[in-house]
Every structure is written in C-alpha cells, then in structure tokens.
C-alpha cells in the first residue's frame, strides 16, 4: 500500500498494490498546471481511495481530461482521463518510498527550453500507444 497527501493534508489518498513506473509529461498544459513537467503514475480506480475528496477541485482541461487539486493549498494531485478505468496520481504527492522509477517521458516536443532531459528513460514526442 502507498499513501500520500496534498501539502496541507486536507486531501489524502491510499493506493493498494504496486505503483507502475510513472510518466513524465512535458506538454504545455502539464507544465503550466504543475510549474514544471508533471510526473504521475497511472493506477486502477479500484485501487485508489481518496480521503477529503470534498476538498478536491476539478478543472476540465480538455474534453477528455480533468485535473484535480486541493482547494485549500492548491497542490496538483490527480490527472483524470474521464471514462477510463484508471487515474494518474502526482508522484510528488506520495509519501516515500514509492519503490518505482520514471519509466517514460511523453510530449517531449513541447518541453520547456530551460531544462534538459538527462536520464535514460525512453522519450516520445507524443504519447506511445497503451497495450490493451
């Protein structure tokens, strides 16, 4: 089991099971929302329990995605592809250890000009197809 929370503690969560290797998304929306590139792990909705859900505010950033953040402290917490059976959770919100490593960088064509991607994780200019 893995636990985490927002900065002020108004929202906390638990994830049952192992965390898949997270994605680092460099798209413009993720950079603007998080202040840098956004790193999240995708977990089955059935494995996620949110406490303080009444303190989560959702921003519909596109037709297919909404982003969840704490209404009190503003911490970026969730990336929710509406209608899918999984949800992305911000890696920075987890209590450590997470026992995982960054698995992939996506939307690298939109990355900021102020940093380099210097690790050995695979890089994709868009998003690679997900296995079925």
Protein backbone atom coordinates (compact mmCIF):
# COMPACT_ATOMS: atom_id res chain seq x y z
CA UNK A 1 0.00 0.00 0.00
CA UNK A 2 1.15 3.54 -0.79
CA UNK A 3 -0.06 6.74 0.85
CA UNK A 4 0.15 10.42 0.06
CA UNK A 5 -1.46 13.81 0.51
CA UNK A 6 -1.55 17.41 -0.56
CA UNK A 7 0.71 19.97 1.14
CA UNK A 8 -1.82 20.98 3.83
CA UNK A 9 -3.23 17.49 4.45
CA UNK A 10 -6.84 18.32 3.55
CA UNK A 11 -6.70 15.61 0.87
CA UNK A 12 -5.00 12.26 1.38
CA UNK A 13 -5.08 9.01 -0.53
CA UNK A 14 -4.05 5.39 -0.46
CA UNK A 15 -3.21 3.10 -3.36
CA UNK A 16 -3.40 -0.65 -2.93
CA UNK A 17 -0.69 -2.58 -4.76
CA UNK A 18 2.47 -1.66 -6.59
CA UNK A 19 2.85 1.63 -8.43
CA UNK A 20 3.52 1.38 -12.17
CA UNK A 21 6.54 3.28 -13.48
CA UNK A 22 5.46 6.92 -13.80
CA UNK A 23 5.26 9.09 -16.92
CA UNK A 24 6.92 12.48 -17.12
CA UNK A 25 4.65 14.66 -19.26
CA UNK A 26 6.25 17.72 -20.82
CA UNK A 27 3.15 19.09 -22.59
CA UNK A 28 2.33 22.76 -22.24
CA UNK A 29 -0.81 22.09 -20.15
CA UNK A 30 1.05 19.91 -17.62
CA UNK A 31 3.90 22.41 -17.36
CA UNK A 32 1.52 25.32 -16.77
CA UNK A 33 -0.56 23.35 -14.26
CA UNK A 34 2.34 21.98 -12.23
CA UNK A 35 5.04 24.61 -12.70
CA UNK A 36 7.40 22.13 -14.40
CA UNK A 37 6.85 18.84 -16.15
CA UNK A 38 4.22 16.65 -14.45
CA UNK A 39 5.19 13.18 -13.25
CA UNK A 40 2.37 10.79 -12.41
CA UNK A 41 1.65 7.10 -12.09
CA UNK A 42 -1.50 5.55 -13.52
CA UNK A 43 -3.40 3.34 -11.08
CA UNK A 44 -6.68 1.44 -11.36
CA UNK A 45 -9.55 3.44 -9.90
CA UNK A 46 -10.43 0.39 -7.82
CA UNK A 47 -7.02 0.60 -6.09
CA UNK A 48 -7.39 4.28 -5.13
CA UNK A 49 -9.10 5.63 -2.00
CA UNK A 50 -9.33 9.41 -1.54
CA UNK A 51 -9.95 10.93 1.91
CA UNK A 52 -11.07 14.55 1.97
CA UNK A 53 -12.48 14.26 -1.55
CA UNK A 54 -14.75 17.22 -0.77
CA UNK A 55 -11.56 19.34 -0.78
CA UNK A 56 -10.60 18.30 -4.32
CA UNK A 57 -11.47 20.78 -7.05
CA UNK A 58 -11.54 19.66 -10.65
CA UNK A 59 -10.53 21.65 -13.70
CA UNK A 60 -11.68 20.29 -17.06
CA UNK A 61 -8.55 20.99 -19.14
CA UNK A 62 -9.93 19.29 -22.26
CA UNK A 63 -12.90 17.30 -23.49
CA UNK A 64 -11.25 14.08 -22.25
CA UNK A 65 -9.30 15.11 -19.14
CA UNK A 66 -9.85 16.84 -15.83
CA UNK A 67 -7.16 17.75 -13.30
CA UNK A 68 -7.67 17.53 -9.55
CA UNK A 69 -6.06 19.82 -6.99
CA UNK A 70 -6.52 20.70 -3.32
CA UNK A 71 -8.92 23.63 -2.88
CA UNK A 72 -7.04 24.77 0.23
CA UNK A 73 -3.34 24.63 -0.68
CA UNK A 74 -3.52 24.24 -4.47
CA UNK A 75 -1.41 21.06 -4.65
CA UNK A 76 -1.67 19.26 -8.01
CA UNK A 77 -2.83 15.74 -7.21
CA UNK A 78 -4.74 13.94 -9.97
CA UNK A 79 -4.88 13.62 -13.75
CA UNK A 80 -8.23 12.04 -14.61
CA UNK A 81 -8.96 10.73 -18.11
CA UNK A 82 -12.75 10.82 -17.85
CA UNK A 83 -14.40 7.49 -18.62
CA UNK A 84 -11.26 5.37 -18.26
CA UNK A 85 -10.71 2.75 -15.54
CA UNK A 86 -7.52 4.38 -14.22
CA UNK A 87 -6.37 7.73 -12.81
CA UNK A 88 -2.98 9.45 -12.77
CA UNK A 89 -1.63 10.49 -9.37
CA UNK A 90 1.14 13.08 -8.97
CA UNK A 91 4.33 11.37 -7.80
CA UNK A 92 5.27 14.38 -5.67
CA UNK A 93 2.18 13.82 -3.52
CA UNK A 94 3.23 10.31 -2.43
CA UNK A 95 4.90 9.62 0.87
CA UNK A 96 8.17 7.82 0.21
CA UNK A 97 9.41 5.28 -0.57
CA UNK A 98 7.44 4.66 -3.77
CA UNK A 99 9.68 1.82 -4.99
CA UNK A 100 9.40 2.97 -8.58
CA UNK A 101 11.39 4.91 -11.16
CA UNK A 102 10.46 7.22 -14.02
CA UNK A 103 9.53 4.94 -16.93
CA UNK A 104 8.98 7.31 -19.86
CA UNK A 105 8.92 10.94 -20.97
CA UNK A 106 5.97 12.00 -23.17
CA UNK A 107 5.17 15.10 -25.22
CA UNK A 108 8.87 15.95 -25.32
CA UNK A 109 8.28 18.13 -28.41
CA UNK A 110 6.60 20.62 -26.03
CA UNK A 111 9.22 20.56 -23.25
CA UNK A 112 10.45 23.81 -21.77
CA UNK A 113 13.62 25.35 -23.14
CA UNK A 114 15.07 25.87 -19.67
CA UNK A 115 15.89 22.22 -18.92
CA UNK A 116 17.32 19.08 -20.49
CA UNK A 117 16.03 15.54 -20.16
CA UNK A 118 19.15 13.86 -18.87
CA UNK A 119 18.04 10.41 -17.71
CA UNK A 120 17.87 7.20 -19.74
CA UNK A 121 14.07 6.78 -19.76
CA UNK A 122 12.57 6.49 -23.26
CA UNK A 123 11.33 9.74 -24.81
CA UNK A 124 8.32 10.23 -27.08
CA UNK A 125 7.27 13.41 -28.87
CA UNK A 126 3.61 12.44 -28.26
CA UNK A 127 2.16 9.56 -26.22
CA UNK A 128 3.02 5.98 -27.19
CA UNK A 129 0.06 3.63 -27.63
CA UNK A 130 -1.06 1.79 -24.49
CA UNK A 131 -1.18 -2.00 -24.53
CA UNK A 132 -4.73 -3.38 -24.43
